[in-house]
Amino acid sequence: MQTREEVLSYGLSLPNTYQDAPFHDPNWQLVRVFKNKKVFLWTYERDDRLCINVKVDPEWREFWRSTYKSVIPGYHQNKEHWNTVILDGTVPDEDVKRMIAESYDLVVNKK
């Protein structure tokens, strides 16, 4: 996944989701769950690189960070519960999708 469109399209393919731009800044595009309005996917460009923030189970946090150099603590997020993935081509699409899906699973049933 190299483009924002690919990432957003995948996030929006999950059930009952919608895209949001709450900061009135087109750089920040989010995907939320309709039912509870929780965000599970943040997309933005930083230092000329496309990044996503995904919620992560703390038990998996270090696994992802140690497996891929481009997975770092969440930018502008709680470092315990969020990871940033720099989409520079070093993380396989399957793992990017897995992280997005796991983020969705963590918020879909929250109140």
PDB file of N, CA and C in Angstrom:
ATOM      1  N   MET A   1       0.854  -1.172   0.000  1.00  0.00           N
ATOM      2  CA  MET A   1       0.000   0.000   0.000  1.00  0.00           C
ATOM      3  C   MET A   1       0.896   1.229   0.000  1.00  0.00           C
ATOM      4  N   GLN A   2       0.801   1.957  -1.067  1.00  0.00           N
ATOM      5  CA  GLN A   2       1.688   3.105  -1.228  1.00  0.00           C
ATOM      6  C   GLN A   2       0.943   4.433  -1.289  1.00  0.00           C
ATOM      7  N   THR A   3      -0.387   4.383  -1.493  1.00  0.00           N
ATOM      8  CA  THR A   3      -1.126   5.635  -1.636  1.00  0.00           C
ATOM      9  C   THR A   3      -2.196   5.766  -0.559  1.00  0.00           C
ATOM     10  N   ARG A   4      -2.538   7.002  -0.298  1.00  0.00           N
ATOM     11  CA  ARG A   4      -3.600   7.273   0.672  1.00  0.00           C
ATOM     12  C   ARG A   4      -4.915   6.652   0.198  1.00  0.00           C
ATOM     13  N   GLU A   5      -5.150   6.711  -1.116  1.00  0.00           N
ATOM     14  CA  GLU A   5      -6.387   6.156  -1.665  1.00  0.00           C
ATOM     15  C   GLU A   5      -6.500   4.666  -1.375  1.00  0.00           C
ATOM     16  N   GLU A   6      -5.395   3.930  -1.518  1.00  0.00           N
ATOM     17  CA  GLU A   6      -5.410   2.487  -1.232  1.00  0.00           C
ATOM     18  C   GLU A   6      -5.721   2.230   0.240  1.00  0.00           C
ATOM     19  N   VAL A   7      -5.080   2.995   1.100  1.00  0.00           N
ATOM     20  CA  VAL A   7      -5.262   2.817   2.543  1.00  0.00           C
ATOM     21  C   VAL A   7      -6.697   3.151   2.940  1.00  0.00           C
ATOM     22  N   LEU A   8      -7.179   4.305   2.484  1.00  0.00           N
ATOM     23  CA  LEU A   8      -8.547   4.698   2.820  1.00  0.00           C
ATOM     24  C   LEU A   8      -9.562   3.713   2.256  1.00  0.00           C
ATOM     25  N   SER A   9      -9.333   3.257   1.047  1.00  0.00           N
ATOM     26  CA  SER A   9     -10.240   2.294   0.437  1.00  0.00           C
ATOM     27  C   SER A   9     -10.322   1.019   1.267  1.00  0.00           C
ATOM     28  N   TYR A  10      -9.177   0.533   1.736  1.00  0.00           N
ATOM     29  CA  TYR A  10      -9.188  -0.671   2.559  1.00  0.00           C
ATOM     30  C   TYR A  10      -9.922  -0.404   3.878  1.00  0.00           C
ATOM     31  N   GLY A  11      -9.601   0.701   4.530  1.00  0.00           N
ATOM     32  CA  GLY A  11     -10.277   1.033   5.790  1.00  0.00           C
ATOM     33  C   GLY A  11     -11.781   1.145   5.621  1.00  0.00           C
ATOM     34  N   LEU A  12     -12.193   1.758   4.520  1.00  0.00           N
ATOM     35  CA  LEU A  12     -13.623   1.934   4.258  1.00  0.00           C
ATOM     36  C   LEU A  12     -14.311   0.647   3.805  1.00  0.00           C
ATOM     37  N   SER A  13     -13.531  -0.372   3.466  1.00  0.00           N
ATOM     38  CA  SER A  13     -14.125  -1.660   3.090  1.00  0.00           C
ATOM     39  C   SER A  13     -14.578  -2.451   4.316  1.00  0.00           C
ATOM     40  N   LEU A  14     -14.137  -2.048   5.495  1.00  0.00           N
ATOM     41  CA  LEU A  14     -14.559  -2.719   6.721  1.00  0.00           C
ATOM     42  C   LEU A  14     -15.978  -2.255   7.061  1.00  0.00           C
ATOM     43  N   PRO A  15     -16.770  -3.105   7.711  1.00  0.00           N
ATOM     44  CA  PRO A  15     -18.187  -2.803   7.916  1.00  0.00           C
ATOM     45  C   PRO A  15     -18.447  -1.517   8.704  1.00  0.00           C
ATOM     46  N   ASN A  16     -19.456  -0.765   8.230  1.00  0.00           N
ATOM     47  CA  ASN A  16     -19.984   0.387   8.958  1.00  0.00           C
ATOM     48  C   ASN A  16     -18.932   1.436   9.302  1.00  0.00           C
ATOM     49  N   THR A  17     -18.189   1.856   8.293  1.00  0.00           N
ATOM     50  CA  THR A  17     -17.137   2.848   8.485  1.00  0.00           C
ATOM     51  C   THR A  17     -17.396   4.064   7.599  1.00  0.00           C
ATOM     52  N   TYR A  18     -16.756   5.160   7.946  1.00  0.00           N
ATOM     53  CA  TYR A  18     -16.857   6.367   7.131  1.00  0.00           C
ATOM     54  C   TYR A  18     -15.588   7.199   7.269  1.00  0.00           C
ATOM     55  N   GLN A  19     -15.357   8.031   6.274  1.00  0.00           N
ATOM     56  CA  GLN A  19     -14.180   8.895   6.246  1.00  0.00           C
ATOM     57  C   GLN A  19     -14.537  10.232   6.873  1.00  0.00           C
ATOM     58  N   ASP A  20     -13.563  10.825   7.579  1.00  0.00           N
ATOM     59  CA  ASP A  20     -13.784  12.085   8.270  1.00  0.00           C
ATOM     60  C   ASP A  20     -12.531  12.944   8.163  1.00  0.00           C
ATOM     61  N   ALA A  21     -12.724  14.254   8.173  1.00  0.00           N
ATOM     62  CA  ALA A  21     -11.608  15.214   8.179  1.00  0.00           C
ATOM     63  C   ALA A  21     -11.922  16.268   9.238  1.00  0.00           C
ATOM     64  N   PRO A  22     -11.818  15.916  10.511  1.00  0.00           N
ATOM     65  CA  PRO A  22     -12.297  16.795  11.586  1.00  0.00           C
ATOM     66  C   PRO A  22     -11.457  18.045  11.831  1.00  0.00           C
ATOM     67  N   PHE A  23     -10.256  18.086  11.310  1.00  0.00           N
ATOM     68  CA  PHE A  23      -9.365  19.208  11.613  1.00  0.00           C
ATOM     69  C   PHE A  23      -9.399  20.293  10.534  1.00  0.00           C
ATOM     70  N   HIS A  24     -10.275  20.143   9.551  1.00  0.00           N
ATOM     71  CA  HIS A  24     -10.353  21.090   8.436  1.00  0.00           C
ATOM     72  C   HIS A  24      -8.993  21.257   7.769  1.00  0.00           C
ATOM     73  N   ASP A  25      -8.254  20.163   7.750  1.00  0.00           N
ATOM     74  CA  ASP A  25      -6.930  20.110   7.128  1.00  0.00           C
ATOM     75  C   ASP A  25      -6.927  18.862   6.248  1.00  0.00           C
ATOM     76  N   PRO A  26      -6.868  19.022   4.930  1.00  0.00           N
ATOM     77  CA  PRO A  26      -6.950  17.852   4.046  1.00  0.00           C
ATOM     78  C   PRO A  26      -5.817  16.850   4.249  1.00  0.00           C
ATOM     79  N   ASN A  27      -4.753  17.237   4.934  1.00  0.00           N
ATOM     80  CA  ASN A  27      -3.667  16.299   5.200  1.00  0.00           C
ATOM     81  C   ASN A  27      -4.117  15.183   6.148  1.00  0.00           C
ATOM     82  N   TRP A  28      -5.031  15.480   7.032  1.00  0.00           N
ATOM     83  CA  TRP A  28      -5.494  14.508   8.024  1.00  0.00           C
ATOM     84  C   TRP A  28      -6.838  13.937   7.601  1.00  0.00           C
ATOM     85  N   GLN A  29      -6.826  12.680   7.127  1.00  0.00           N
ATOM     86  CA  GLN A  29      -8.040  11.967   6.751  1.00  0.00           C
ATOM     87  C   GLN A  29      -8.152  10.744   7.657  1.00  0.00           C
ATOM     88  N   LEU A  30      -9.293  10.596   8.304  1.00  0.00           N
ATOM     89  CA  LEU A  30      -9.499   9.527   9.273  1.00  0.00           C
ATOM     90  C   LEU A  30     -10.583   8.579   8.785  1.00  0.00           C
ATOM     91  N   VAL A  31     -10.564   7.369   9.324  1.00  0.00           N
ATOM     92  CA  VAL A  31     -11.670   6.438   9.104  1.00  0.00           C
ATOM     93  C   VAL A  31     -12.197   6.051  10.483  1.00  0.00           C
ATOM     94  N   ARG A  32     -13.505   6.181  10.616  1.00  0.00           N
ATOM     95  CA  ARG A  32     -14.180   5.922  11.889  1.00  0.00           C
ATOM     96  C   ARG A  32     -15.244   4.830  11.724  1.00  0.00           C
ATOM     97  N   VAL A  33     -15.689   4.332  12.865  1.00  0.00           N
ATOM     98  CA  VAL A  33     -16.805   3.392  12.926  1.00  0.00           C
ATOM     99  C   VAL A  33     -18.080   4.206  13.159  1.00  0.00           C
ATOM    100  N   PHE A  34     -19.122   3.969  12.347  1.00  0.00           N
ATOM    101  CA  PHE A  34     -20.371   4.720  12.470  1.00  0.00           C
ATOM    102  C   PHE A  34     -20.965   4.658  13.871  1.00  0.00           C
ATOM    103  N   LYS A  35     -21.077   3.452  14.404  1.00  0.00           N
ATOM    104  CA  LYS A  35     -21.819   3.214  15.646  1.00  0.00           C
ATOM    105  C   LYS A  35     -21.315   4.061  16.819  1.00  0.00           C
ATOM    106  N   ASN A  36     -19.995   4.144  16.977  1.00  0.00           N
ATOM    107  CA  ASN A  36     -19.436   4.830  18.149  1.00  0.00           C
ATOM    108  C   ASN A  36     -18.542   6.017  17.798  1.00  0.00           C
ATOM    109  N   LYS A  37     -18.353   6.259  16.511  1.00  0.00           N
ATOM    110  CA  LYS A  37     -17.534   7.363  16.001  1.00  0.00           C
ATOM    111  C   LYS A  37     -16.051   7.248  16.379  1.00  0.00           C
ATOM    112  N   LYS A  38     -15.629   6.072  16.811  1.00  0.00           N
ATOM    113  CA  LYS A  38     -14.220   5.855  17.173  1.00  0.00           C
ATOM    114  C   LYS A  38     -13.352   5.782  15.922  1.00  0.00           C
ATOM    115  N   VAL A  39     -12.188   6.387  16.007  1.00  0.00           N
ATOM    116  CA  VAL A  39     -11.220   6.363  14.906  1.00  0.00           C
ATOM    117  C   VAL A  39     -10.353   5.119  15.042  1.00  0.00           C
ATOM    118  N   PHE A  40     -10.123   4.427  13.916  1.00  0.00           N
ATOM    119  CA  PHE A  40      -9.194   3.299  13.932  1.00  0.00           C
ATOM    120  C   PHE A  40      -8.083   3.468  12.909  1.00  0.00           C
ATOM    121  N   LEU A  41      -8.203   4.482  12.047  1.00  0.00           N
ATOM    122  CA  LEU A  41      -7.198   4.692  11.017  1.00  0.00           C
ATOM    123  C   LEU A  41      -7.019   6.188  10.765  1.00  0.00           C
ATOM    124  N   TRP A  42      -5.811   6.653  10.982  1.00  0.00           N
ATOM    125  CA  TRP A  42      -5.443   8.044  10.693  1.00  0.00           C
ATOM    126  C   TRP A  42      -4.502   8.012   9.491  1.00  0.00           C
ATOM    127  N   THR A  43      -4.687   8.908   8.536  1.00  0.00           N
ATOM    128  CA  THR A  43      -3.749   9.019   7.417  1.00  0.00           C
ATOM    129  C   THR A  43      -3.278  10.466   7.324  1.00  0.00           C
ATOM    130  N   TYR A  44      -1.988  10.634   7.031  1.00  0.00           N
ATOM    131  CA  TYR A  44      -1.410  11.974   6.924  1.00  0.00           C
ATOM    132  C   TYR A  44      -0.036  11.871   6.289  1.00  0.00           C
ATOM    133  N   GLU A  45       0.445  12.990   5.782  1.00  0.00           N
ATOM    134  CA  GLU A  45       1.814  13.067   5.278  1.00  0.00           C
ATOM    135  C   GLU A  45       2.651  13.832   6.285  1.00  0.00           C
ATOM    136  N   ARG A  46       3.836  13.317   6.525  1.00  0.00           N
ATOM    137  CA  ARG A  46       4.778  13.950   7.450  1.00  0.00           C
ATOM    138  C   ARG A  46       6.168  13.760   6.871  1.00  0.00           C
ATOM    139  N   ASP A  47       6.919  14.833   6.780  1.00  0.00           N
ATOM    140  CA  ASP A  47       8.266  14.788   6.202  1.00  0.00           C
ATOM    141  C   ASP A  47       8.237  14.155   4.806  1.00  0.00           C
ATOM    142  N   ASP A  48       7.239  14.523   4.024  1.00  0.00           N
ATOM    143  CA  ASP A  48       7.074  14.042   2.642  1.00  0.00           C
ATOM    144  C   ASP A  48       6.872  12.534   2.542  1.00  0.00           C
ATOM    145  N   ARG A  49       6.379  11.919   3.620  1.00  0.00           N
ATOM    146  CA  ARG A  49       6.097  10.481   3.606  1.00  0.00           C
ATOM    147  C   ARG A  49       4.668  10.247   4.081  1.00  0.00           C
ATOM    148  N   LEU A  50       3.985   9.319   3.420  1.00  0.00           N
ATOM    149  CA  LEU A  50       2.638   8.951   3.835  1.00  0.00           C
ATOM    150  C   LEU A  50       2.732   8.071   5.076  1.00  0.00           C
ATOM    151  N   CYS A  51       1.931   8.410   6.079  1.00  0.00           N
ATOM    152  CA  CYS A  51       1.922   7.657   7.339  1.00  0.00           C
ATOM    153  C   CYS A  51       0.487   7.310   7.707  1.00  0.00           C
ATOM    154  N   ILE A  52       0.361   6.241   8.459  1.00  0.00           N
ATOM    155  CA  ILE A  52      -0.927   5.902   9.064  1.00  0.00           C
ATOM    156  C   ILE A  52      -0.692   5.645  10.546  1.00  0.00           C
ATOM    157  N   ASN A  53      -1.696   5.948  11.336  1.00  0.00           N
ATOM    158  CA  ASN A  53      -1.701   5.567  12.741  1.00  0.00           C
ATOM    159  C   ASN A  53      -2.790   4.529  12.920  1.00  0.00           C
ATOM    160  N   VAL A  54      -2.453   3.453  13.618  1.00  0.00           N
ATOM    161  CA  VAL A  54      -3.404   2.381  13.894  1.00  0.00           C
ATOM    162  C   VAL A  54      -3.343   2.027  15.370  1.00  0.00           C
ATOM    163  N   LYS A  55      -4.496   1.728  15.920  1.00  0.00           N
ATOM    164  CA  LYS A  55      -4.555   1.277  17.303  1.00  0.00           C
ATOM    165  C   LYS A  55      -3.955  -0.126  17.365  1.00  0.00           C
ATOM    166  N   VAL A  56      -3.277  -0.417  18.471  1.00  0.00           N
ATOM    167  CA  VAL A  56      -2.590  -1.708  18.584  1.00  0.00           C
ATOM    168  C   VAL A  56      -2.790  -2.267  19.984  1.00  0.00           C
ATOM    169  N   ASP A  57      -2.989  -3.557  20.050  1.00  0.00           N
ATOM    170  CA  ASP A  57      -3.019  -4.239  21.340  1.00  0.00           C
ATOM    171  C   ASP A  57      -1.627  -4.124  21.935  1.00  0.00           C
ATOM    172  N   PRO A  58      -1.492  -3.644  23.181  1.00  0.00           N
ATOM    173  CA  PRO A  58      -0.159  -3.491  23.772  1.00  0.00           C
ATOM    174  C   PRO A  58       0.692  -4.767  23.731  1.00  0.00           C
ATOM    175  N   GLU A  59       0.048  -5.932  23.692  1.00  0.00           N
ATOM    176  CA  GLU A  59       0.806  -7.184  23.615  1.00  0.00           C
ATOM    177  C   GLU A  59       1.502  -7.350  22.269  1.00  0.00           C
ATOM    178  N   TRP A  60       0.983  -6.684  21.225  1.00  0.00           N
ATOM    179  CA  TRP A  60       1.561  -6.775  19.880  1.00  0.00           C
ATOM    180  C   TRP A  60       2.402  -5.563  19.518  1.00  0.00           C
ATOM    181  N   ARG A  61       2.307  -4.506  20.296  1.00  0.00           N
ATOM    182  CA  ARG A  61       2.978  -3.242  19.992  1.00  0.00           C
ATOM    183  C   ARG A  61       4.450  -3.426  19.663  1.00  0.00           C
ATOM    184  N   GLU A  62       5.172  -4.067  20.527  1.00  0.00           N
ATOM    185  CA  GLU A  62       6.620  -4.218  20.334  1.00  0.00           C
ATOM    186  C   GLU A  62       6.955  -5.201  19.211  1.00  0.00           C
ATOM    187  N   PHE A  63       6.084  -6.172  19.004  1.00  0.00           N
ATOM    188  CA  PHE A  63       6.309  -7.088  17.889  1.00  0.00           C
ATOM    189  C   PHE A  63       6.395  -6.311  16.584  1.00  0.00           C
ATOM    190  N   TRP A  64       5.391  -5.453  16.320  1.00  0.00           N
ATOM    191  CA  TRP A  64       5.380  -4.698  15.074  1.00  0.00           C
ATOM    192  C   TRP A  64       6.558  -3.730  15.004  1.00  0.00           C
ATOM    193  N   ARG A  65       6.857  -3.079  16.115  1.00  0.00           N
ATOM    194  CA  ARG A  65       7.951  -2.095  16.125  1.00  0.00           C
ATOM    195  C   ARG A  65       9.310  -2.763  15.930  1.00  0.00           C
ATOM    196  N   SER A  66       9.461  -3.958  16.443  1.00  0.00           N
ATOM    197  CA  SER A  66      10.758  -4.636  16.288  1.00  0.00           C
ATOM    198  C   SER A  66      10.878  -5.363  14.946  1.00  0.00           C
ATOM    199  N   THR A  67       9.749  -5.695  14.335  1.00  0.00           N
ATOM    200  CA  THR A  67       9.765  -6.393  13.054  1.00  0.00           C
ATOM    201  C   THR A  67      10.073  -5.449  11.901  1.00  0.00           C
ATOM    202  N   TYR A  68       9.530  -4.231  11.967  1.00  0.00           N
ATOM    203  CA  TYR A  68       9.697  -3.268  10.865  1.00  0.00           C
ATOM    204  C   TYR A  68      10.221  -1.938  11.393  1.00  0.00           C
ATOM    205  N   LYS A  69      11.294  -1.476  10.807  1.00  0.00           N
ATOM    206  CA  LYS A  69      11.881  -0.191  11.193  1.00  0.00           C
ATOM    207  C   LYS A  69      10.918   0.969  10.955  1.00  0.00           C
ATOM    208  N   SER A  70      10.021   0.811   9.998  1.00  0.00           N
ATOM    209  CA  SER A  70       9.079   1.885   9.668  1.00  0.00           C
ATOM    210  C   SER A  70       7.792   1.838  10.502  1.00  0.00           C
ATOM    211  N   VAL A  71       7.744   0.994  11.526  1.00  0.00           N
ATOM    212  CA  VAL A  71       6.652   1.013  12.501  1.00  0.00           C
ATOM    213  C   VAL A  71       7.225   1.586  13.787  1.00  0.00           C
ATOM    214  N   ILE A  72       6.674   2.721  14.175  1.00  0.00           N
ATOM    215  CA  ILE A  72       7.203   3.467  15.325  1.00  0.00           C
ATOM    216  C   ILE A  72       6.064   3.820  16.281  1.00  0.00           C
ATOM    217  N   PRO A  73       6.387   4.310  17.476  1.00  0.00           N
ATOM    218  CA  PRO A  73       5.314   4.743  18.383  1.00  0.00           C
ATOM    219  C   PRO A  73       4.417   5.787  17.715  1.00  0.00           C
ATOM    220  N   GLY A  74       3.141   5.759  18.030  1.00  0.00           N
ATOM    221  CA  GLY A  74       2.152   6.611  17.382  1.00  0.00           C
ATOM    222  C   GLY A  74       2.464   8.099  17.463  1.00  0.00           C
ATOM    223  N   TYR A  75       2.535   8.737  16.324  1.00  0.00           N
ATOM    224  CA  TYR A  75       2.771  10.175  16.226  1.00  0.00           C
ATOM    225  C   TYR A  75       1.523  10.915  16.715  1.00  0.00           C
ATOM    226  N   HIS A  76       1.688  11.769  17.702  1.00  0.00           N
ATOM    227  CA  HIS A  76       0.590  12.538  18.305  1.00  0.00           C
ATOM    228  C   HIS A  76      -0.480  11.644  18.918  1.00  0.00           C
ATOM    229  N   GLN A  77      -0.104  10.451  19.362  1.00  0.00           N
ATOM    230  CA  GLN A  77      -1.068   9.517  19.951  1.00  0.00           C
ATOM    231  C   GLN A  77      -0.446   8.904  21.200  1.00  0.00           C
ATOM    232  N   ASN A  78      -1.253   8.198  21.951  1.00  0.00           N
ATOM    233  CA  ASN A  78      -0.778   7.449  23.103  1.00  0.00           C
ATOM    234  C   ASN A  78       0.181   6.370  22.603  1.00  0.00           C
ATOM    235  N   LYS A  79       1.424   6.425  23.044  1.00  0.00           N
ATOM    236  CA  LYS A  79       2.473   5.527  22.533  1.00  0.00           C
ATOM    237  C   LYS A  79       2.257   4.074  22.953  1.00  0.00           C
ATOM    238  N   GLU A  80       1.444   3.860  23.978  1.00  0.00           N
ATOM    239  CA  GLU A  80       1.170   2.498  24.428  1.00  0.00           C
ATOM    240  C   GLU A  80       0.147   1.807  23.536  1.00  0.00           C
ATOM    241  N   HIS A  81      -0.785   2.580  22.981  1.00  0.00           N
ATOM    242  CA  HIS A  81      -1.907   1.987  22.264  1.00  0.00           C
ATOM    243  C   HIS A  81      -1.946   2.282  20.772  1.00  0.00           C
ATOM    244  N   TRP A  82      -1.003   3.061  20.258  1.00  0.00           N
ATOM    245  CA  TRP A  82      -1.011   3.432  18.846  1.00  0.00           C
ATOM    246  C   TRP A  82       0.363   3.283  18.228  1.00  0.00           C
ATOM    247  N   ASN A  83       0.379   2.804  17.005  1.00  0.00           N
ATOM    248  CA  ASN A  83       1.608   2.749  16.204  1.00  0.00           C
ATOM    249  C   ASN A  83       1.430   3.620  14.967  1.00  0.00           C
ATOM    250  N   THR A  84       2.527   4.185  14.528  1.00  0.00           N
ATOM    251  CA  THR A  84       2.587   4.861  13.242  1.00  0.00           C
ATOM    252  C   THR A  84       3.306   3.928  12.284  1.00  0.00           C
ATOM    253  N   VAL A  85       2.744   3.782  11.086  1.00  0.00           N
ATOM    254  CA  VAL A  85       3.374   2.995  10.028  1.00  0.00           C
ATOM    255  C   VAL A  85       3.731   3.968   8.914  1.00  0.00           C
ATOM    256  N   ILE A  86       5.021   4.082   8.626  1.00  0.00           N
ATOM    257  CA  ILE A  86       5.484   4.903   7.516  1.00  0.00           C
ATOM    258  C   ILE A  86       5.390   4.032   6.271  1.00  0.00           C
ATOM    259  N   LEU A  87       4.567   4.452   5.329  1.00  0.00           N
ATOM    260  CA  LEU A  87       4.322   3.630   4.141  1.00  0.00           C
ATOM    261  C   LEU A  87       5.403   3.888   3.092  1.00  0.00           C
ATOM    262  N   ASP A  88       6.556   3.296   3.352  1.00  0.00           N
ATOM    263  CA  ASP A  88       7.715   3.472   2.464  1.00  0.00           C
ATOM    264  C   ASP A  88       8.004   2.220   1.639  1.00  0.00           C
ATOM    265  N   GLY A  89       7.090   1.257   1.682  1.00  0.00           N
ATOM    266  CA  GLY A  89       7.262   0.027   0.909  1.00  0.00           C
ATOM    267  C   GLY A  89       7.957  -1.092   1.654  1.00  0.00           C
ATOM    268  N   THR A  90       8.395  -0.844   2.878  1.00  0.00           N
ATOM    269  CA  THR A  90       9.124  -1.883   3.612  1.00  0.00           C
ATOM    270  C   THR A  90       8.216  -2.823   4.400  1.00  0.00           C
ATOM    271  N   VAL A  91       6.967  -2.424   4.616  1.00  0.00           N
ATOM    272  CA  VAL A  91       6.009  -3.293   5.305  1.00  0.00           C
ATOM    273  C   VAL A  91       5.094  -3.890   4.235  1.00  0.00           C
ATOM    274  N   PRO A  92       5.034  -5.210   4.134  1.00  0.00           N
ATOM    275  CA  PRO A  92       4.181  -5.841   3.120  1.00  0.00           C
ATOM    276  C   PRO A  92       2.718  -5.427   3.271  1.00  0.00           C
ATOM    277  N   ASP A  93       2.033  -5.328   2.138  1.00  0.00           N
ATOM    278  CA  ASP A  93       0.627  -4.931   2.147  1.00  0.00           C
ATOM    279  C   ASP A  93      -0.206  -5.791   3.085  1.00  0.00           C
ATOM    280  N   GLU A  94       0.075  -7.079   3.125  1.00  0.00           N
ATOM    281  CA  GLU A  94      -0.704  -7.975   3.986  1.00  0.00           C
ATOM    282  C   GLU A  94      -0.590  -7.560   5.448  1.00  0.00           C
ATOM    283  N   ASP A  95       0.609  -7.135   5.867  1.00  0.00           N
ATOM    284  CA  ASP A  95       0.790  -6.722   7.262  1.00  0.00           C
ATOM    285  C   ASP A  95       0.177  -5.354   7.528  1.00  0.00           C
ATOM    286  N   VAL A  96       0.225  -4.457   6.560  1.00  0.00           N
ATOM    287  CA  VAL A  96      -0.448  -3.164   6.716  1.00  0.00           C
ATOM    288  C   VAL A  96      -1.945  -3.407   6.886  1.00  0.00           C
ATOM    289  N   LYS A  97      -2.512  -4.245   6.039  1.00  0.00           N
ATOM    290  CA  LYS A  97      -3.939  -4.564   6.140  1.00  0.00           C
ATOM    291  C   LYS A  97      -4.264  -5.238   7.465  1.00  0.00           C
ATOM    292  N   ARG A  98      -3.393  -6.111   7.898  1.00  0.00           N
ATOM    293  CA  ARG A  98      -3.622  -6.794   9.182  1.00  0.00           C
ATOM    294  C   ARG A  98      -3.641  -5.785  10.325  1.00  0.00           C
ATOM    295  N   MET A  99      -2.711  -4.830  10.316  1.00  0.00           N
ATOM    296  CA  MET A  99      -2.677  -3.821  11.380  1.00  0.00           C
ATOM    297  C   MET A  99      -3.928  -2.944  11.350  1.00  0.00           C
ATOM    298  N   ILE A 100      -4.390  -2.576  10.158  1.00  0.00           N
ATOM    299  CA  ILE A 100      -5.610  -1.773  10.041  1.00  0.00           C
ATOM    300  C   ILE A 100      -6.807  -2.569  10.550  1.00  0.00           C
ATOM    301  N   ALA A 101      -6.916  -3.833  10.153  1.00  0.00           N
ATOM    302  CA  ALA A 101      -8.035  -4.683  10.583  1.00  0.00           C
ATOM    303  C   ALA A 101      -8.013  -4.899  12.094  1.00  0.00           C
ATOM    304  N   GLU A 102      -6.833  -5.087  12.674  1.00  0.00           N
ATOM    305  CA  GLU A 102      -6.730  -5.259  14.122  1.00  0.00           C
ATOM    306  C   GLU A 102      -7.127  -3.971  14.845  1.00  0.00           C
ATOM    307  N   SER A 103      -6.752  -2.828  14.286  1.00  0.00           N
ATOM    308  CA  SER A 103      -7.146  -1.544  14.860  1.00  0.00           C
ATOM    309  C   SER A 103      -8.668  -1.419  14.856  1.00  0.00           C
ATOM    310  N   TYR A 104      -9.274  -1.762  13.734  1.00  0.00           N
ATOM    311  CA  TYR A 104     -10.735  -1.755  13.620  1.00  0.00           C
ATOM    312  C   TYR A 104     -11.353  -2.657  14.689  1.00  0.00           C
ATOM    313  N   ASP A 105     -10.834  -3.865  14.818  1.00  0.00           N
ATOM    314  CA  ASP A 105     -11.377  -4.810  15.800  1.00  0.00           C
ATOM    315  C   ASP A 105     -11.296  -4.267  17.226  1.00  0.00           C
ATOM    316  N   LEU A 106     -10.247  -3.481  17.510  1.00  0.00           N
ATOM    317  CA  LEU A 106     -10.085  -2.934  18.851  1.00  0.00           C
ATOM    318  C   LEU A 106     -11.097  -1.835  19.181  1.00  0.00           C
ATOM    319  N   VAL A 107     -11.650  -1.173  18.178  1.00  0.00           N
ATOM    320  CA  VAL A 107     -12.569  -0.057  18.458  1.00  0.00           C
ATOM    321  C   VAL A 107     -14.019  -0.311  18.079  1.00  0.00           C
ATOM    322  N   VAL A 108     -14.288  -1.306  17.237  1.00  0.00           N
ATOM    323  CA  VAL A 108     -15.640  -1.466  16.695  1.00  0.00           C
ATOM    324  C   VAL A 108     -16.704  -1.675  17.755  1.00  0.00           C
ATOM    325  N   ASN A 109     -16.406  -2.336  18.833  1.00  0.00           N
ATOM    326  CA  ASN A 109     -17.419  -2.594  19.862  1.00  0.00           C
ATOM    327  C   ASN A 109     -17.253  -1.739  21.108  1.00  0.00           C
ATOM    328  N   LYS A 110     -16.409  -0.736  21.046  1.00  0.00           N
ATOM    329  CA  LYS A 110     -16.232   0.177  22.176  1.00  0.00           C
ATOM    330  C   LYS A 110     -17.370   1.182  22.223  1.00  0.00           C
ATOM    331  N   LYS A 111     -17.661   1.659  23.411  1.00  0.00           N
ATOM    332  CA  LYS A 111     -18.728   2.673  23.559  1.00  0.00           C
ATOM    333  C   LYS A 111     -18.156   4.054  23.506  1.00  0.00           C
TER     334      LYS A 111
END
